[in-house]
Amino acid sequence: SNVICGVDRSGRVYPLGVKYDEGTGLASLAVSRGAGKNTFSEEYGANHPLAAIITPAATQKLCIASCYCCGEGTTGFVALTMPPHVPPVFMHYMSKYNTSFASDMHIEGGAGESLYLASTTGTDKMFLIVNYRLVS
C-alpha cells in the first residue's frame, strides 16, 4: 500500500503521523488529543434534580474525556453521573471552588446510557463543558 511520508532534517524518511525525535533516534506515533471528540456546553441557572444532558444512540457508548464547570454561586454542588454506575463521573463543590476542571479522563458508560446532571446551585448561574467520544 502507499504511505505518505515526510523527511526530517537529516534526510530520514518516515511515515506522516509518526514523530521522529532526533535526540533519541526514536520514532513514535503522533496522535491528536482532540481527534474524534464532541463537545457539550450549556449555561444553567436553576437546580436540576437529575436531567439527561447527553444521550447516545442505543448502540453507542459515551466515553467522557474531560469536564469543566464554573459558577457564580458559593453553595451547592454539580454532579455528572452515568446511572447505574457509581461513583459520579465528575463533582464540583461551589462552596470550595468556583471553577473545576478534570482532563485526561476515560470513563465509559454502557450502550445507550445517558450522562446526567444533578445540581443544587439554586438560581446562581453555572457553566458546564463536557468533551466526549461516541464509541461502539
N, C-alpha and C. Protein backbone atom coordinates (compact mmCIF):
# COMPACT_ATOMS: atom_id res chain seq x y z
N SER A 1 0.84 -1.19 0.00
CA SER A 1 0.00 0.00 0.00
C SER A 1 0.87 1.24 0.00
N ASN A 2 0.30 2.34 -0.44
CA ASN A 2 1.04 3.60 -0.48
C ASN A 2 0.96 4.29 0.87
N VAL A 3 2.08 4.83 1.33
CA VAL A 3 2.14 5.55 2.60
C VAL A 3 2.70 6.93 2.31
N ILE A 4 2.03 7.97 2.82
CA ILE A 4 2.53 9.33 2.67
C ILE A 4 3.64 9.53 3.68
N CYS A 5 4.78 10.04 3.20
CA CYS A 5 5.96 10.15 4.06
C CYS A 5 6.44 11.58 4.16
N GLY A 6 7.22 11.83 5.20
CA GLY A 6 7.90 13.10 5.40
C GLY A 6 9.38 12.83 5.55
N VAL A 7 10.17 13.90 5.54
CA VAL A 7 11.62 13.78 5.67
C VAL A 7 12.07 14.73 6.77
N ASP A 8 12.88 14.22 7.73
CA ASP A 8 13.39 15.11 8.77
C ASP A 8 14.64 15.84 8.29
N ARG A 9 15.21 16.67 9.16
CA ARG A 9 16.37 17.49 8.76
C ARG A 9 17.58 16.68 8.32
N SER A 10 17.72 15.49 8.84
CA SER A 10 18.89 14.68 8.48
C SER A 10 18.65 13.82 7.24
N GLY A 11 17.46 13.94 6.64
CA GLY A 11 17.18 13.19 5.43
C GLY A 11 16.49 11.86 5.66
N ARG A 12 16.18 11.53 6.93
CA ARG A 12 15.47 10.28 7.20
C ARG A 12 14.03 10.39 6.72
N VAL A 13 13.55 9.35 6.10
CA VAL A 13 12.17 9.29 5.62
C VAL A 13 11.34 8.52 6.64
N TYR A 14 10.18 9.05 6.97
CA TYR A 14 9.29 8.39 7.93
C TYR A 14 7.84 8.67 7.53
N PRO A 15 6.92 7.76 7.88
CA PRO A 15 5.52 7.98 7.53
C PRO A 15 4.94 9.17 8.28
N LEU A 16 4.06 9.95 7.64
CA LEU A 16 3.38 11.03 8.33
C LEU A 16 2.50 10.42 9.42
N GLY A 17 2.34 11.12 10.50
CA GLY A 17 1.65 10.57 11.65
C GLY A 17 2.64 9.96 12.63
N VAL A 18 3.92 9.99 12.26
CA VAL A 18 4.97 9.50 13.13
C VAL A 18 5.88 10.67 13.46
N LYS A 19 6.19 10.83 14.73
CA LYS A 19 7.09 11.90 15.17
C LYS A 19 8.46 11.28 15.43
N TYR A 20 9.47 11.87 14.83
CA TYR A 20 10.83 11.36 14.99
C TYR A 20 11.60 12.29 15.92
N ASP A 21 12.17 11.74 16.99
CA ASP A 21 12.96 12.51 17.95
C ASP A 21 14.43 12.38 17.57
N GLU A 22 14.99 13.47 17.05
CA GLU A 22 16.38 13.43 16.61
C GLU A 22 17.35 13.22 17.76
N GLY A 23 16.98 13.64 18.97
CA GLY A 23 17.85 13.47 20.13
C GLY A 23 18.02 12.03 20.54
N THR A 24 16.94 11.27 20.49
CA THR A 24 17.00 9.87 20.92
C THR A 24 17.07 8.89 19.76
N GLY A 25 16.71 9.36 18.56
CA GLY A 25 16.69 8.46 17.41
C GLY A 25 15.47 7.56 17.39
N LEU A 26 14.47 7.88 18.21
CA LEU A 26 13.27 7.05 18.28
C LEU A 26 12.10 7.70 17.56
N ALA A 27 11.23 6.87 17.03
CA ALA A 27 10.01 7.35 16.38
C ALA A 27 8.81 6.94 17.22
N SER A 28 7.79 7.80 17.24
CA SER A 28 6.56 7.47 17.96
C SER A 28 5.38 7.96 17.15
N LEU A 29 4.22 7.40 17.43
CA LEU A 29 3.01 7.77 16.73
C LEU A 29 2.55 9.13 17.22
N ALA A 30 2.27 10.04 16.30
CA ALA A 30 1.76 11.37 16.65
C ALA A 30 0.23 11.28 16.66
N VAL A 31 -0.37 11.54 17.81
CA VAL A 31 -1.81 11.40 17.96
C VAL A 31 -2.40 12.74 18.39
N SER A 32 -3.48 13.14 17.75
CA SER A 32 -4.18 14.36 18.14
C SER A 32 -5.07 14.06 19.34
N ARG A 33 -4.89 14.81 20.42
CA ARG A 33 -5.71 14.59 21.61
C ARG A 33 -7.16 15.00 21.40
N GLY A 34 -7.39 15.88 20.44
CA GLY A 34 -8.75 16.34 20.21
C GLY A 34 -9.51 15.57 19.15
N ALA A 35 -8.85 14.65 18.48
CA ALA A 35 -9.48 13.93 17.37
C ALA A 35 -10.67 13.11 17.85
N GLY A 36 -11.77 13.23 17.14
CA GLY A 36 -12.94 12.41 17.41
C GLY A 36 -13.78 12.82 18.60
N LYS A 37 -13.47 13.95 19.24
CA LYS A 37 -14.23 14.37 20.41
C LYS A 37 -15.39 15.27 20.01
N ASN A 38 -16.47 15.13 20.74
CA ASN A 38 -17.61 16.04 20.66
C ASN A 38 -17.59 16.90 21.91
N THR A 39 -18.22 18.07 21.84
CA THR A 39 -18.26 18.96 22.99
C THR A 39 -19.70 19.37 23.28
N PHE A 40 -20.08 19.22 24.53
CA PHE A 40 -21.37 19.70 25.03
C PHE A 40 -21.07 20.91 25.90
N SER A 41 -21.81 22.01 25.72
CA SER A 41 -21.65 23.17 26.61
C SER A 41 -23.01 23.80 26.84
N GLU A 42 -23.22 24.24 28.07
CA GLU A 42 -24.52 24.83 28.41
C GLU A 42 -24.38 25.66 29.68
N GLU A 43 -25.18 26.73 29.75
CA GLU A 43 -25.25 27.54 30.96
C GLU A 43 -26.58 27.23 31.64
N TYR A 44 -26.54 27.09 32.96
CA TYR A 44 -27.74 26.78 33.74
C TYR A 44 -27.93 27.83 34.82
N GLY A 45 -29.19 28.04 35.23
CA GLY A 45 -29.48 29.00 36.28
C GLY A 45 -30.55 28.49 37.23
N ALA A 46 -30.66 27.16 37.35
CA ALA A 46 -31.64 26.56 38.25
C ALA A 46 -31.15 25.19 38.68
N ASN A 47 -31.70 24.70 39.79
CA ASN A 47 -31.37 23.35 40.26
C ASN A 47 -31.84 22.30 39.25
N HIS A 48 -31.13 21.19 39.21
CA HIS A 48 -31.53 20.04 38.39
C HIS A 48 -31.45 18.81 39.26
N PRO A 49 -32.59 18.20 39.62
CA PRO A 49 -32.53 17.00 40.45
C PRO A 49 -31.82 15.85 39.74
N LEU A 50 -32.11 15.62 38.48
CA LEU A 50 -31.41 14.62 37.66
C LEU A 50 -31.94 14.77 36.24
N ALA A 51 -31.13 15.35 35.36
CA ALA A 51 -31.55 15.61 33.98
C ALA A 51 -30.53 15.03 33.01
N ALA A 52 -31.01 14.26 32.02
CA ALA A 52 -30.12 13.72 30.99
C ALA A 52 -29.64 14.88 30.11
N ILE A 53 -28.31 15.01 29.96
CA ILE A 53 -27.78 16.10 29.13
C ILE A 53 -27.15 15.60 27.83
N ILE A 54 -26.65 14.36 27.81
CA ILE A 54 -26.10 13.76 26.59
C ILE A 54 -26.60 12.32 26.53
N THR A 55 -27.25 11.97 25.43
CA THR A 55 -27.76 10.61 25.26
C THR A 55 -27.27 10.05 23.93
N PRO A 56 -26.49 8.98 23.96
CA PRO A 56 -26.02 8.37 22.71
C PRO A 56 -27.11 7.50 22.08
N ALA A 57 -26.89 7.08 20.85
CA ALA A 57 -27.78 6.11 20.21
C ALA A 57 -27.74 4.81 21.03
N ALA A 58 -28.75 3.99 20.88
CA ALA A 58 -28.86 2.76 21.67
C ALA A 58 -27.67 1.83 21.50
N THR A 59 -26.98 1.91 20.35
CA THR A 59 -25.84 1.02 20.09
C THR A 59 -24.49 1.65 20.44
N GLN A 60 -24.50 2.92 20.85
CA GLN A 60 -23.24 3.61 21.15
C GLN A 60 -23.07 3.83 22.65
N LYS A 61 -21.81 4.05 23.04
CA LYS A 61 -21.48 4.35 24.44
C LYS A 61 -20.83 5.72 24.50
N LEU A 62 -21.09 6.45 25.58
CA LEU A 62 -20.39 7.71 25.85
C LEU A 62 -19.07 7.39 26.52
N CYS A 63 -18.02 8.05 26.08
CA CYS A 63 -16.72 7.95 26.74
C CYS A 63 -16.33 9.38 27.11
N ILE A 64 -16.41 9.71 28.39
CA ILE A 64 -16.14 11.07 28.86
C ILE A 64 -14.64 11.29 28.92
N ALA A 65 -14.18 12.37 28.25
CA ALA A 65 -12.74 12.68 28.16
C ALA A 65 -12.33 13.82 29.09
N SER A 66 -13.21 14.82 29.28
CA SER A 66 -12.89 15.92 30.19
C SER A 66 -14.16 16.67 30.56
N CYS A 67 -14.12 17.35 31.71
CA CYS A 67 -15.25 18.14 32.20
C CYS A 67 -14.73 19.44 32.78
N TYR A 68 -15.50 20.51 32.58
CA TYR A 68 -15.17 21.82 33.13
C TYR A 68 -16.45 22.43 33.66
N CYS A 69 -16.38 23.03 34.83
CA CYS A 69 -17.54 23.69 35.40
C CYS A 69 -17.09 24.95 36.13
N CYS A 70 -17.83 26.04 35.93
CA CYS A 70 -17.59 27.25 36.71
C CYS A 70 -18.94 27.84 37.07
N GLY A 71 -18.97 28.58 38.15
CA GLY A 71 -20.24 29.15 38.58
C GLY A 71 -20.05 30.37 39.43
N GLU A 72 -21.13 31.13 39.57
CA GLU A 72 -21.08 32.35 40.37
C GLU A 72 -21.53 32.11 41.80
N GLY A 73 -22.00 30.91 42.10
CA GLY A 73 -22.52 30.62 43.43
C GLY A 73 -21.44 30.27 44.43
N THR A 74 -21.84 30.24 45.70
CA THR A 74 -20.92 29.86 46.78
C THR A 74 -21.47 28.69 47.59
N THR A 75 -22.59 28.14 47.15
CA THR A 75 -23.15 26.96 47.82
C THR A 75 -23.62 25.96 46.78
N GLY A 76 -23.77 24.73 47.22
CA GLY A 76 -24.30 23.68 46.35
C GLY A 76 -23.22 22.90 45.64
N PHE A 77 -23.67 21.96 44.82
CA PHE A 77 -22.74 21.12 44.08
C PHE A 77 -23.29 20.86 42.68
N VAL A 78 -22.41 20.40 41.80
CA VAL A 78 -22.77 19.96 40.46
C VAL A 78 -22.20 18.55 40.31
N ALA A 79 -23.03 17.60 39.92
CA ALA A 79 -22.59 16.22 39.74
C ALA A 79 -22.97 15.74 38.35
N LEU A 80 -22.04 15.05 37.70
CA LEU A 80 -22.32 14.36 36.44
C LEU A 80 -22.25 12.88 36.72
N THR A 81 -23.29 12.15 36.36
CA THR A 81 -23.36 10.72 36.65
C THR A 81 -23.82 9.94 35.42
N MET A 82 -23.49 8.66 35.42
CA MET A 82 -23.99 7.73 34.41
C MET A 82 -24.64 6.56 35.14
N PRO A 83 -25.87 6.78 35.67
CA PRO A 83 -26.50 5.69 36.39
C PRO A 83 -26.59 4.44 35.52
N PRO A 84 -26.40 3.28 36.05
CA PRO A 84 -26.31 2.93 37.46
C PRO A 84 -24.89 2.94 38.01
N HIS A 85 -23.93 3.51 37.28
CA HIS A 85 -22.53 3.49 37.71
C HIS A 85 -22.30 4.44 38.88
N VAL A 86 -21.50 4.00 39.81
CA VAL A 86 -21.11 4.80 40.97
C VAL A 86 -19.60 4.66 41.08
N PRO A 87 -18.84 5.62 41.39
CA PRO A 87 -19.18 6.98 41.82
C PRO A 87 -19.51 7.89 40.64
N PRO A 88 -19.83 9.15 40.93
CA PRO A 88 -20.10 10.10 39.85
C PRO A 88 -18.90 10.26 38.91
N VAL A 89 -19.19 10.64 37.69
CA VAL A 89 -18.15 10.91 36.70
C VAL A 89 -17.36 12.16 37.09
N PHE A 90 -18.07 13.19 37.62
CA PHE A 90 -17.46 14.49 37.91
C PHE A 90 -18.26 15.15 39.02
N MET A 91 -17.55 15.77 39.98
CA MET A 91 -18.20 16.52 41.06
C MET A 91 -17.55 17.89 41.16
N HIS A 92 -18.38 18.90 41.37
CA HIS A 92 -17.88 20.27 41.58
C HIS A 92 -18.63 20.85 42.77
N TYR A 93 -17.86 21.25 43.80
CA TYR A 93 -18.45 21.82 45.01
C TYR A 93 -18.28 23.33 44.96
N MET A 94 -19.39 24.05 44.80
CA MET A 94 -19.35 25.51 44.66
C MET A 94 -18.82 26.20 45.92
N SER A 95 -19.05 25.61 47.10
CA SER A 95 -18.60 26.26 48.33
C SER A 95 -17.08 26.23 48.45
N LYS A 96 -16.43 25.33 47.73
CA LYS A 96 -14.98 25.17 47.82
C LYS A 96 -14.27 25.94 46.72
N TYR A 97 -14.74 25.81 45.48
CA TYR A 97 -14.09 26.43 44.32
C TYR A 97 -15.16 26.96 43.38
N ASN A 98 -14.86 28.03 42.65
CA ASN A 98 -15.83 28.48 41.66
C ASN A 98 -15.55 27.89 40.28
N THR A 99 -14.41 27.19 40.13
CA THR A 99 -14.06 26.54 38.87
C THR A 99 -13.44 25.18 39.14
N SER A 100 -13.86 24.17 38.37
CA SER A 100 -13.25 22.84 38.44
C SER A 100 -13.03 22.32 37.03
N PHE A 101 -11.92 21.59 36.85
CA PHE A 101 -11.59 21.02 35.54
C PHE A 101 -11.00 19.64 35.76
N ALA A 102 -11.46 18.68 34.99
CA ALA A 102 -10.89 17.32 35.02
C ALA A 102 -10.60 16.93 33.59
N SER A 103 -9.34 16.58 33.33
CA SER A 103 -8.96 16.21 31.96
C SER A 103 -8.31 14.84 31.94
N ASP A 104 -8.01 14.38 30.74
CA ASP A 104 -7.39 13.06 30.54
C ASP A 104 -8.17 11.95 31.23
N MET A 105 -9.49 12.04 31.12
CA MET A 105 -10.37 11.03 31.68
C MET A 105 -10.69 9.99 30.60
N HIS A 106 -11.06 8.82 31.02
CA HIS A 106 -11.62 7.81 30.12
C HIS A 106 -12.66 7.05 30.92
N ILE A 107 -13.86 7.62 30.99
CA ILE A 107 -14.94 7.00 31.73
C ILE A 107 -16.02 6.62 30.72
N GLU A 108 -16.22 5.32 30.58
CA GLU A 108 -17.10 4.80 29.54
C GLU A 108 -18.37 4.24 30.15
N GLY A 109 -19.50 4.67 29.61
CA GLY A 109 -20.79 4.14 30.05
C GLY A 109 -21.19 2.93 29.23
N GLY A 110 -22.36 2.42 29.51
CA GLY A 110 -22.89 1.29 28.75
C GLY A 110 -23.60 1.76 27.49
N ALA A 111 -23.93 0.84 26.61
CA ALA A 111 -24.62 1.17 25.36
C ALA A 111 -25.93 1.89 25.66
N GLY A 112 -26.10 3.05 25.04
CA GLY A 112 -27.32 3.83 25.18
C GLY A 112 -27.48 4.55 26.50
N GLU A 113 -26.49 4.47 27.40
CA GLU A 113 -26.61 5.13 28.71
C GLU A 113 -26.30 6.61 28.61
N SER A 114 -27.15 7.42 29.21
CA SER A 114 -27.02 8.88 29.17
C SER A 114 -26.08 9.39 30.25
N LEU A 115 -25.60 10.61 30.05
CA LEU A 115 -24.88 11.35 31.08
C LEU A 115 -25.90 12.29 31.72
N TYR A 116 -25.98 12.26 33.05
CA TYR A 116 -26.97 13.05 33.78
C TYR A 116 -26.30 14.16 34.59
N LEU A 117 -27.01 15.27 34.70
CA LEU A 117 -26.59 16.39 35.52
C LEU A 117 -27.50 16.46 36.74
N ALA A 118 -26.91 16.60 37.91
CA ALA A 118 -27.64 16.89 39.14
C ALA A 118 -26.96 18.10 39.76
N SER A 119 -27.74 19.11 40.16
CA SER A 119 -27.13 20.30 40.76
C SER A 119 -28.03 20.88 41.84
N THR A 120 -27.37 21.53 42.81
CA THR A 120 -28.08 22.21 43.89
C THR A 120 -27.54 23.62 44.05
N THR A 121 -27.34 24.29 42.93
CA THR A 121 -26.75 25.64 42.95
C THR A 121 -27.80 26.73 43.02
N GLY A 122 -29.07 26.37 43.12
CA GLY A 122 -30.15 27.36 43.19
C GLY A 122 -30.25 28.14 41.90
N THR A 123 -30.46 29.44 42.02
CA THR A 123 -30.58 30.28 40.82
C THR A 123 -29.25 30.88 40.39
N ASP A 124 -28.16 30.53 41.10
CA ASP A 124 -26.84 31.01 40.69
C ASP A 124 -26.46 30.36 39.36
N LYS A 125 -25.91 31.16 38.47
CA LYS A 125 -25.53 30.64 37.15
C LYS A 125 -24.32 29.72 37.26
N MET A 126 -24.32 28.73 36.34
CA MET A 126 -23.23 27.76 36.28
C MET A 126 -23.06 27.39 34.82
N PHE A 127 -21.79 27.25 34.39
CA PHE A 127 -21.47 26.90 33.00
C PHE A 127 -20.74 25.57 32.99
N LEU A 128 -21.14 24.69 32.09
CA LEU A 128 -20.62 23.33 32.05
C LEU A 128 -20.14 22.99 30.64
N ILE A 129 -18.97 22.36 30.55
CA ILE A 129 -18.45 21.84 29.28
C ILE A 129 -18.06 20.38 29.51
N VAL A 130 -18.47 19.51 28.58
CA VAL A 130 -18.10 18.09 28.63
C VAL A 130 -17.56 17.69 27.26
N ASN A 131 -16.34 17.18 27.22
CA ASN A 131 -15.78 16.62 25.99
C ASN A 131 -15.94 15.11 26.07
N TYR A 132 -16.43 14.53 24.99
CA TYR A 132 -16.71 13.10 25.00
C TYR A 132 -16.54 12.50 23.60
N ARG A 133 -16.44 11.19 23.58
CA ARG A 133 -16.42 10.44 22.32
C ARG A 133 -17.60 9.48 22.33
N LEU A 134 -18.10 9.17 21.14
CA LEU A 134 -19.11 8.13 20.98
C LEU A 134 -18.39 6.90 20.46
N VAL A 135 -18.49 5.79 21.18
CA VAL A 135 -17.79 4.57 20.79
C VAL A 135 -18.80 3.43 20.63
N SER A 136 -18.42 2.45 19.83
CA SER A 136 -19.31 1.29 19.60
C SER A 136 -19.05 0.20 20.61
